[in-house]
C-alpha cells in the first residue's frame, strides 16, 4: 500500500519568506531533508511533523494530510475531487 503524506511546507515557507536551509537550521535537520519532504520523497516522523507545525505556529493538520490539499483558488469541495 502506498501511504502518501501530502504537505504544505513549501507554501508556508514562501508565505514567511524563509529558505529551505533556514527552516532546516531551525529544525536541526539537513536542508536536503526539507526538499525531500516538500517533494513527497520522504514522510516525516511524528516528532519532526510536530516540530514543523510548531515552527510555523499552526496545527499539524494545516501542514500535513493523507489527502491532497486543494489547489489555491479551487472552489471544488474535497469530496467532489476524489469522485
PDB file of N, CA and C in Angstrom:
ATOM      1  N   UNK A   1       0.842  -1.176   0.000  1.00  0.00           N
ATOM      2  CA  UNK A   1       0.000   0.000   0.000  1.00  0.00           C
ATOM      3  C   UNK A   1       0.893   1.246   0.000  1.00  0.00           C
ATOM      4  N   UNK A   2       0.551   2.202  -0.866  1.00  0.00           N
ATOM      5  CA  UNK A   2       1.318   3.435  -0.976  1.00  0.00           C
ATOM      6  C   UNK A   2       0.746   4.477  -0.025  1.00  0.00           C
ATOM      7  N   UNK A   3       1.460   4.784   1.025  1.00  0.00           N
ATOM      8  CA  UNK A   3       0.988   5.734   2.029  1.00  0.00           C
ATOM      9  C   UNK A   3       1.641   7.090   1.790  1.00  0.00           C
ATOM     10  N   UNK A   4       0.964   7.933   1.029  1.00  0.00           N
ATOM     11  CA  UNK A   4       1.482   9.251   0.694  1.00  0.00           C
ATOM     12  C   UNK A   4       1.036  10.255   1.743  1.00  0.00           C
ATOM     13  N   UNK A   5       1.971  11.085   2.175  1.00  0.00           N
ATOM     14  CA  UNK A   5       1.663  12.174   3.095  1.00  0.00           C
ATOM     15  C   UNK A   5       1.891  13.472   2.325  1.00  0.00           C
ATOM     16  N   UNK A   6       0.815  14.214   2.105  1.00  0.00           N
ATOM     17  CA  UNK A   6       0.890  15.493   1.402  1.00  0.00           C
ATOM     18  C   UNK A   6       1.236  16.576   2.416  1.00  0.00           C
ATOM     19  N   UNK A   7       1.898  17.636   1.932  1.00  0.00           N
ATOM     20  CA  UNK A   7       2.250  18.704   2.864  1.00  0.00           C
ATOM     21  C   UNK A   7       2.221  20.062   2.186  1.00  0.00           C
ATOM     22  N   UNK A   8       2.209  21.072   3.027  1.00  0.00           N
ATOM     23  CA  UNK A   8       2.211  22.469   2.584  1.00  0.00           C
ATOM     24  C   UNK A   8       3.471  23.197   3.056  1.00  0.00           C
ATOM     25  N   UNK A   9       4.546  22.486   3.210  1.00  0.00           N
ATOM     26  CA  UNK A   9       5.767  23.105   3.732  1.00  0.00           C
ATOM     27  C   UNK A   9       6.255  24.210   2.806  1.00  0.00           C
ATOM     28  N   UNK A  10       6.306  23.959   1.504  1.00  0.00           N
ATOM     29  CA  UNK A  10       6.805  24.968   0.559  1.00  0.00           C
ATOM     30  C   UNK A  10       5.943  26.224   0.604  1.00  0.00           C
ATOM     31  N   UNK A  11       4.636  26.052   0.671  1.00  0.00           N
ATOM     32  CA  UNK A  11       3.732  27.196   0.721  1.00  0.00           C
ATOM     33  C   UNK A  11       3.951  28.008   2.002  1.00  0.00           C
ATOM     34  N   UNK A  12       4.075  27.317   3.120  1.00  0.00           N
ATOM     35  CA  UNK A  12       4.294  28.001   4.388  1.00  0.00           C
ATOM     36  C   UNK A  12       5.642  28.725   4.402  1.00  0.00           C
ATOM     37  N   UNK A  13       6.656  28.095   3.824  1.00  0.00           N
ATOM     38  CA  UNK A  13       7.972  28.747   3.740  1.00  0.00           C
ATOM     39  C   UNK A  13       7.876  30.010   2.895  1.00  0.00           C
ATOM     40  N   UNK A  14       7.196  29.893   1.738  1.00  0.00           N
ATOM     41  CA  UNK A  14       7.074  31.038   0.829  1.00  0.00           C
ATOM     42  C   UNK A  14       6.323  32.192   1.489  1.00  0.00           C
ATOM     43  N   UNK A  15       5.249  31.862   2.195  1.00  0.00           N
ATOM     44  CA  UNK A  15       4.472  32.897   2.893  1.00  0.00           C
ATOM     45  C   UNK A  15       5.323  33.660   3.901  1.00  0.00           C
ATOM     46  N   UNK A  16       6.254  32.952   4.513  1.00  0.00           N
ATOM     47  CA  UNK A  16       7.074  33.563   5.568  1.00  0.00           C
ATOM     48  C   UNK A  16       8.437  34.033   5.068  1.00  0.00           C
ATOM     49  N   UNK A  17       8.708  33.771   3.791  1.00  0.00           N
ATOM     50  CA  UNK A  17       9.957  34.244   3.203  1.00  0.00           C
ATOM     51  C   UNK A  17      11.203  33.588   3.760  1.00  0.00           C
ATOM     52  N   UNK A  18      11.123  32.281   4.056  1.00  0.00           N
ATOM     53  CA  UNK A  18      12.306  31.588   4.569  1.00  0.00           C
ATOM     54  C   UNK A  18      12.747  30.502   3.585  1.00  0.00           C
ATOM     55  N   UNK A  19      14.035  30.264   3.550  1.00  0.00           N
ATOM     56  CA  UNK A  19      14.606  29.273   2.632  1.00  0.00           C
ATOM     57  C   UNK A  19      14.544  27.874   3.255  1.00  0.00           C
ATOM     58  N   UNK A  20      14.796  26.887   2.423  1.00  0.00           N
ATOM     59  CA  UNK A  20      14.885  25.513   2.933  1.00  0.00           C
ATOM     60  C   UNK A  20      15.981  25.416   3.979  1.00  0.00           C
ATOM     61  N   UNK A  21      17.087  26.057   3.685  1.00  0.00           N
ATOM     62  CA  UNK A  21      18.226  25.998   4.607  1.00  0.00           C
ATOM     63  C   UNK A  21      17.875  26.633   5.951  1.00  0.00           C
ATOM     64  N   UNK A  22      17.181  27.771   5.939  1.00  0.00           N
ATOM     65  CA  UNK A  22      16.795  28.433   7.190  1.00  0.00           C
ATOM     66  C   UNK A  22      15.845  27.549   7.997  1.00  0.00           C
ATOM     67  N   UNK A  23      14.872  26.927   7.318  1.00  0.00           N
ATOM     68  CA  UNK A  23      13.952  26.043   8.025  1.00  0.00           C
ATOM     69  C   UNK A  23      14.697  24.841   8.588  1.00  0.00           C
ATOM     70  N   UNK A  24      15.577  24.270   7.800  1.00  0.00           N
ATOM     71  CA  UNK A  24      16.350  23.116   8.253  1.00  0.00           C
ATOM     72  C   UNK A  24      17.170  23.450   9.493  1.00  0.00           C
ATOM     73  N   UNK A  25      17.814  24.608   9.489  1.00  0.00           N
ATOM     74  CA  UNK A  25      18.612  25.017  10.645  1.00  0.00           C
ATOM     75  C   UNK A  25      17.735  25.194  11.883  1.00  0.00           C
ATOM     76  N   UNK A  26      16.552  25.769  11.694  1.00  0.00           N
ATOM     77  CA  UNK A  26      15.641  25.974  12.827  1.00  0.00           C
ATOM     78  C   UNK A  26      15.166  24.646  13.410  1.00  0.00           C
ATOM     79  N   UNK A  27      15.052  23.628  12.542  1.00  0.00           N
ATOM     80  CA  UNK A  27      14.556  22.322  12.979  1.00  0.00           C
ATOM     81  C   UNK A  27      15.671  21.353  13.356  1.00  0.00           C
ATOM     82  N   UNK A  28      16.901  21.698  13.014  1.00  0.00           N
ATOM     83  CA  UNK A  28      18.025  20.813  13.315  1.00  0.00           C
ATOM     84  C   UNK A  28      18.118  19.618  12.385  1.00  0.00           C
ATOM     85  N   UNK A  29      17.731  19.825  11.108  1.00  0.00           N
ATOM     86  CA  UNK A  29      17.839  18.757  10.109  1.00  0.00           C
ATOM     87  C   UNK A  29      18.652  19.275   8.927  1.00  0.00           C
ATOM     88  N   UNK A  30      19.047  18.384   8.034  1.00  0.00           N
ATOM     89  CA  UNK A  30      19.787  18.772   6.845  1.00  0.00           C
ATOM     90  C   UNK A  30      18.839  19.472   5.880  1.00  0.00           C
ATOM     91  N   UNK A  31      19.337  20.476   5.154  1.00  0.00           N
ATOM     92  CA  UNK A  31      18.456  21.226   4.251  1.00  0.00           C
ATOM     93  C   UNK A  31      17.853  20.348   3.162  1.00  0.00           C
ATOM     94  N   UNK A  32      18.562  19.283   2.766  1.00  0.00           N
ATOM     95  CA  UNK A  32      18.007  18.391   1.742  1.00  0.00           C
ATOM     96  C   UNK A  32      16.782  17.641   2.264  1.00  0.00           C
ATOM     97  N   UNK A  33      16.715  17.428   3.566  1.00  0.00           N
ATOM     98  CA  UNK A  33      15.548  16.781   4.161  1.00  0.00           C
ATOM     99  C   UNK A  33      14.292  17.591   3.867  1.00  0.00           C
ATOM    100  N   UNK A  34      14.397  18.915   3.947  1.00  0.00           N
ATOM    101  CA  UNK A  34      13.252  19.774   3.671  1.00  0.00           C
ATOM    102  C   UNK A  34      12.817  19.600   2.217  1.00  0.00           C
ATOM    103  N   UNK A  35      13.749  19.538   1.301  1.00  0.00           N
ATOM    104  CA  UNK A  35      13.428  19.307  -0.105  1.00  0.00           C
ATOM    105  C   UNK A  35      12.755  17.967  -0.318  1.00  0.00           C
ATOM    106  N   UNK A  36      13.268  16.924   0.319  1.00  0.00           N
ATOM    107  CA  UNK A  36      12.660  15.595   0.198  1.00  0.00           C
ATOM    108  C   UNK A  36      11.228  15.606   0.717  1.00  0.00           C
ATOM    109  N   UNK A  37      11.012  16.290   1.834  1.00  0.00           N
ATOM    110  CA  UNK A  37       9.663  16.392   2.393  1.00  0.00           C
ATOM    111  C   UNK A  37       8.739  17.127   1.438  1.00  0.00           C
ATOM    112  N   UNK A  38       9.189  18.268   0.935  1.00  0.00           N
ATOM    113  CA  UNK A  38       8.352  19.081   0.054  1.00  0.00           C
ATOM    114  C   UNK A  38       7.959  18.336  -1.222  1.00  0.00           C
ATOM    115  N   UNK A  39       8.862  17.538  -1.741  1.00  0.00           N
ATOM    116  CA  UNK A  39       8.585  16.777  -2.973  1.00  0.00           C
ATOM    117  C   UNK A  39       7.839  15.468  -2.712  1.00  0.00           C
ATOM    118  N   UNK A  40       7.605  15.146  -1.458  1.00  0.00           N
ATOM    119  CA  UNK A  40       6.912  13.907  -1.128  1.00  0.00           C
ATOM    120  C   UNK A  40       7.774  12.670  -1.253  1.00  0.00           C
ATOM    121  N   UNK A  41       9.085  12.844  -1.275  1.00  0.00           N
ATOM    122  CA  UNK A  41      10.013  11.714  -1.386  1.00  0.00           C
ATOM    123  C   UNK A  41      10.317  11.098  -0.021  1.00  0.00           C
ATOM    124  N   UNK A  42       9.872  11.751   1.025  1.00  0.00           N
ATOM    125  CA  UNK A  42      10.159  11.313   2.382  1.00  0.00           C
ATOM    126  C   UNK A  42       9.003  11.755   3.259  1.00  0.00           C
ATOM    127  N   UNK A  43       8.528  10.878   4.114  1.00  0.00           N
ATOM    128  CA  UNK A  43       7.488  11.233   5.077  1.00  0.00           C
ATOM    129  C   UNK A  43       8.151  11.456   6.429  1.00  0.00           C
ATOM    130  N   UNK A  44       7.785  12.523   7.114  1.00  0.00           N
ATOM    131  CA  UNK A  44       8.452  12.830   8.381  1.00  0.00           C
ATOM    132  C   UNK A  44       8.009  11.904   9.500  1.00  0.00           C
ATOM    133  N   UNK A  45       8.863  11.768  10.477  1.00  0.00           N
ATOM    134  CA  UNK A  45       8.452  11.093  11.709  1.00  0.00           C
ATOM    135  C   UNK A  45       7.397  11.973  12.370  1.00  0.00           C
ATOM    136  N   UNK A  46       6.656  11.406  13.274  1.00  0.00           N
ATOM    137  CA  UNK A  46       5.660  12.181  14.007  1.00  0.00           C
ATOM    138  C   UNK A  46       6.334  13.339  14.738  1.00  0.00           C
ATOM    139  N   UNK A  47       7.470  13.065  15.337  1.00  0.00           N
ATOM    140  CA  UNK A  47       8.197  14.100  16.072  1.00  0.00           C
ATOM    141  C   UNK A  47       8.581  15.262  15.159  1.00  0.00           C
ATOM    142  N   UNK A  48       9.114  14.965  13.969  1.00  0.00           N
ATOM    143  CA  UNK A  48       9.506  16.024  13.045  1.00  0.00           C
ATOM    144  C   UNK A  48       8.276  16.769  12.531  1.00  0.00           C
ATOM    145  N   UNK A  49       7.192  16.058  12.239  1.00  0.00           N
ATOM    146  CA  UNK A  49       5.963  16.708  11.773  1.00  0.00           C
ATOM    147  C   UNK A  49       5.450  17.697  12.815  1.00  0.00           C
ATOM    148  N   UNK A  50       5.474  17.311  14.072  1.00  0.00           N
ATOM    149  CA  UNK A  50       5.024  18.197  15.141  1.00  0.00           C
ATOM    150  C   UNK A  50       5.943  19.410  15.292  1.00  0.00           C
ATOM    151  N   UNK A  51       7.247  19.194  15.144  1.00  0.00           N
ATOM    152  CA  UNK A  51       8.190  20.309  15.232  1.00  0.00           C
ATOM    153  C   UNK A  51       7.999  21.289  14.083  1.00  0.00           C
ATOM    154  N   UNK A  52       7.726  20.770  12.884  1.00  0.00           N
ATOM    155  CA  UNK A  52       7.480  21.650  11.732  1.00  0.00           C
ATOM    156  C   UNK A  52       6.228  22.481  11.975  1.00  0.00           C
ATOM    157  N   UNK A  53       5.155  21.847  12.420  1.00  0.00           N
ATOM    158  CA  UNK A  53       3.916  22.574  12.708  1.00  0.00           C
ATOM    159  C   UNK A  53       4.145  23.629  13.780  1.00  0.00           C
ATOM    160  N   UNK A  54       4.870  23.276  14.824  1.00  0.00           N
ATOM    161  CA  UNK A  54       5.153  24.228  15.895  1.00  0.00           C
ATOM    162  C   UNK A  54       5.978  25.399  15.375  1.00  0.00           C
ATOM    163  N   UNK A  55       6.930  25.117  14.496  1.00  0.00           N
ATOM    164  CA  UNK A  55       7.756  26.188  13.928  1.00  0.00           C
ATOM    165  C   UNK A  55       6.888  27.206  13.188  1.00  0.00           C
ATOM    166  N   UNK A  56       5.911  26.715  12.423  1.00  0.00           N
ATOM    167  CA  UNK A  56       5.026  27.600  11.668  1.00  0.00           C
ATOM    168  C   UNK A  56       3.844  28.109  12.498  1.00  0.00           C
ATOM    169  N   UNK A  57       3.746  27.641  13.734  1.00  0.00           N
ATOM    170  CA  UNK A  57       2.684  28.045  14.659  1.00  0.00           C
ATOM    171  C   UNK A  57       1.289  27.752  14.105  1.00  0.00           C
ATOM    172  N   UNK A  58       1.146  26.527  13.579  1.00  0.00           N
ATOM    173  CA  UNK A  58      -0.140  26.060  13.050  1.00  0.00           C
ATOM    174  C   UNK A  58      -0.365  24.625  13.512  1.00  0.00           C
ATOM    175  N   UNK A  59      -1.624  24.165  13.501  1.00  0.00           N
ATOM    176  CA  UNK A  59      -1.879  22.753  13.817  1.00  0.00           C
ATOM    177  C   UNK A  59      -1.228  21.852  12.766  1.00  0.00           C
ATOM    178  N   UNK A  60      -0.846  20.667  13.162  1.00  0.00           N
ATOM    179  CA  UNK A  60      -0.166  19.739  12.253  1.00  0.00           C
ATOM    180  C   UNK A  60      -1.027  19.432  11.019  1.00  0.00           C
ATOM    181  N   UNK A  61      -2.355  19.477  11.184  1.00  0.00           N
ATOM    182  CA  UNK A  61      -3.257  19.198  10.060  1.00  0.00           C
ATOM    183  C   UNK A  61      -3.200  20.282   8.986  1.00  0.00           C
ATOM    184  N   UNK A  62      -2.717  21.458   9.327  1.00  0.00           N
ATOM    185  CA  UNK A  62      -2.556  22.528   8.342  1.00  0.00           C
ATOM    186  C   UNK A  62      -1.355  22.229   7.444  1.00  0.00           C
ATOM    187  N   UNK A  63      -0.371  21.550   7.988  1.00  0.00           N
ATOM    188  CA  UNK A  63       0.859  21.253   7.248  1.00  0.00           C
ATOM    189  C   UNK A  63       0.785  19.913   6.527  1.00  0.00           C
ATOM    190  N   UNK A  64       0.216  18.893   7.156  1.00  0.00           N
ATOM    191  CA  UNK A  64       0.237  17.535   6.621  1.00  0.00           C
ATOM    192  C   UNK A  64      -1.161  16.951   6.480  1.00  0.00           C
ATOM    193  N   UNK A  65      -1.341  16.103   5.451  1.00  0.00           N
ATOM    194  CA  UNK A  65      -2.621  15.432   5.231  1.00  0.00           C
ATOM    195  C   UNK A  65      -2.392  14.139   4.458  1.00  0.00           C
ATOM    196  N   UNK A  66      -3.273  13.179   4.664  1.00  0.00           N
ATOM    197  CA  UNK A  66      -3.220  11.945   3.874  1.00  0.00           C
ATOM    198  C   UNK A  66      -3.971  12.119   2.552  1.00  0.00           C
ATOM    199  N   UNK A  67      -4.689  13.229   2.407  1.00  0.00           N
ATOM    200  CA  UNK A  67      -5.373  13.558   1.154  1.00  0.00           C
ATOM    201  C   UNK A  67      -4.715  14.796   0.557  1.00  0.00           C
ATOM    202  N   UNK A  68      -4.720  14.874  -0.762  1.00  0.00           N
ATOM    203  CA  UNK A  68      -4.124  16.031  -1.428  1.00  0.00           C
ATOM    204  C   UNK A  68      -4.843  17.302  -1.009  1.00  0.00           C
ATOM    205  N   UNK A  69      -4.076  18.355  -0.812  1.00  0.00           N
ATOM    206  CA  UNK A  69      -4.661  19.650  -0.484  1.00  0.00           C
ATOM    207  C   UNK A  69      -5.256  20.242  -1.760  1.00  0.00           C
ATOM    208  N   UNK A  70      -6.335  21.006  -1.633  1.00  0.00           N
ATOM    209  CA  UNK A  70      -6.888  21.660  -2.829  1.00  0.00           C
ATOM    210  C   UNK A  70      -5.920  22.718  -3.343  1.00  0.00           C
ATOM    211  N   UNK A  71      -5.935  22.923  -4.637  1.00  0.00           N
ATOM    212  CA  UNK A  71      -5.127  23.997  -5.211  1.00  0.00           C
ATOM    213  C   UNK A  71      -5.725  25.319  -4.772  1.00  0.00           C
ATOM    214  N   UNK A  72      -4.882  26.298  -4.587  1.00  0.00           N
ATOM    215  CA  UNK A  72      -5.365  27.608  -4.193  1.00  0.00           C
ATOM    216  C   UNK A  72      -6.330  28.125  -5.248  1.00  0.00           C
ATOM    217  N   UNK A  73      -7.457  28.624  -4.802  1.00  0.00           N
ATOM    218  CA  UNK A  73      -8.457  29.143  -5.717  1.00  0.00           C
ATOM    219  C   UNK A  73      -9.373  28.095  -6.303  1.00  0.00           C
ATOM    220  N   UNK A  74      -9.236  26.815  -5.911  1.00  0.00           N
ATOM    221  CA  UNK A  74     -10.088  25.737  -6.411  1.00  0.00           C
ATOM    222  C   UNK A  74     -11.358  25.683  -5.565  1.00  0.00           C
ATOM    223  N   UNK A  75     -12.521  26.024  -6.148  1.00  0.00           N
ATOM    224  CA  UNK A  75     -13.758  26.040  -5.371  1.00  0.00           C
ATOM    225  C   UNK A  75     -14.379  24.664  -5.178  1.00  0.00           C
ATOM    226  N   UNK A  76     -13.792  23.618  -5.785  1.00  0.00           N
ATOM    227  CA  UNK A  76     -14.348  22.285  -5.702  1.00  0.00           C
ATOM    228  C   UNK A  76     -14.133  21.695  -4.314  1.00  0.00           C
ATOM    229  N   UNK A  77     -15.210  21.215  -3.646  1.00  0.00           N
ATOM    230  CA  UNK A  77     -15.041  20.599  -2.326  1.00  0.00           C
ATOM    231  C   UNK A  77     -14.177  19.334  -2.423  1.00  0.00           C
ATOM    232  N   UNK A  78     -13.430  18.985  -1.364  1.00  0.00           N
ATOM    233  CA  UNK A  78     -12.554  17.816  -1.396  1.00  0.00           C
ATOM    234  C   UNK A  78     -13.273  16.519  -1.797  1.00  0.00           C
ATOM    235  N   UNK A  79     -14.487  16.292  -1.322  1.00  0.00           N
ATOM    236  CA  UNK A  79     -15.202  15.043  -1.641  1.00  0.00           C
ATOM    237  C   UNK A  79     -15.488  14.954  -3.131  1.00  0.00           C
ATOM    238  N   UNK A  80     -15.776  16.063  -3.774  1.00  0.00           N
ATOM    239  CA  UNK A  80     -16.091  16.058  -5.208  1.00  0.00           C
ATOM    240  C   UNK A  80     -14.844  15.795  -6.047  1.00  0.00           C
ATOM    241  N   UNK A  81     -13.654  16.198  -5.555  1.00  0.00           N
ATOM    242  CA  UNK A  81     -12.414  15.983  -6.311  1.00  0.00           C
ATOM    243  C   UNK A  81     -12.056  14.511  -6.380  1.00  0.00           C
ATOM    244  N   UNK A  82     -12.353  13.756  -5.343  1.00  0.00           N
ATOM    245  CA  UNK A  82     -11.958  12.343  -5.303  1.00  0.00           C
ATOM    246  C   UNK A  82     -12.976  11.438  -5.982  1.00  0.00           C
ATOM    247  N   UNK A  83     -14.090  11.985  -6.392  1.00  0.00           N
ATOM    248  CA  UNK A  83     -15.152  11.177  -7.039  1.00  0.00           C
ATOM    249  C   UNK A  83     -14.807  10.862  -8.464  1.00  0.00           C
TER     250      UNK A  83
END
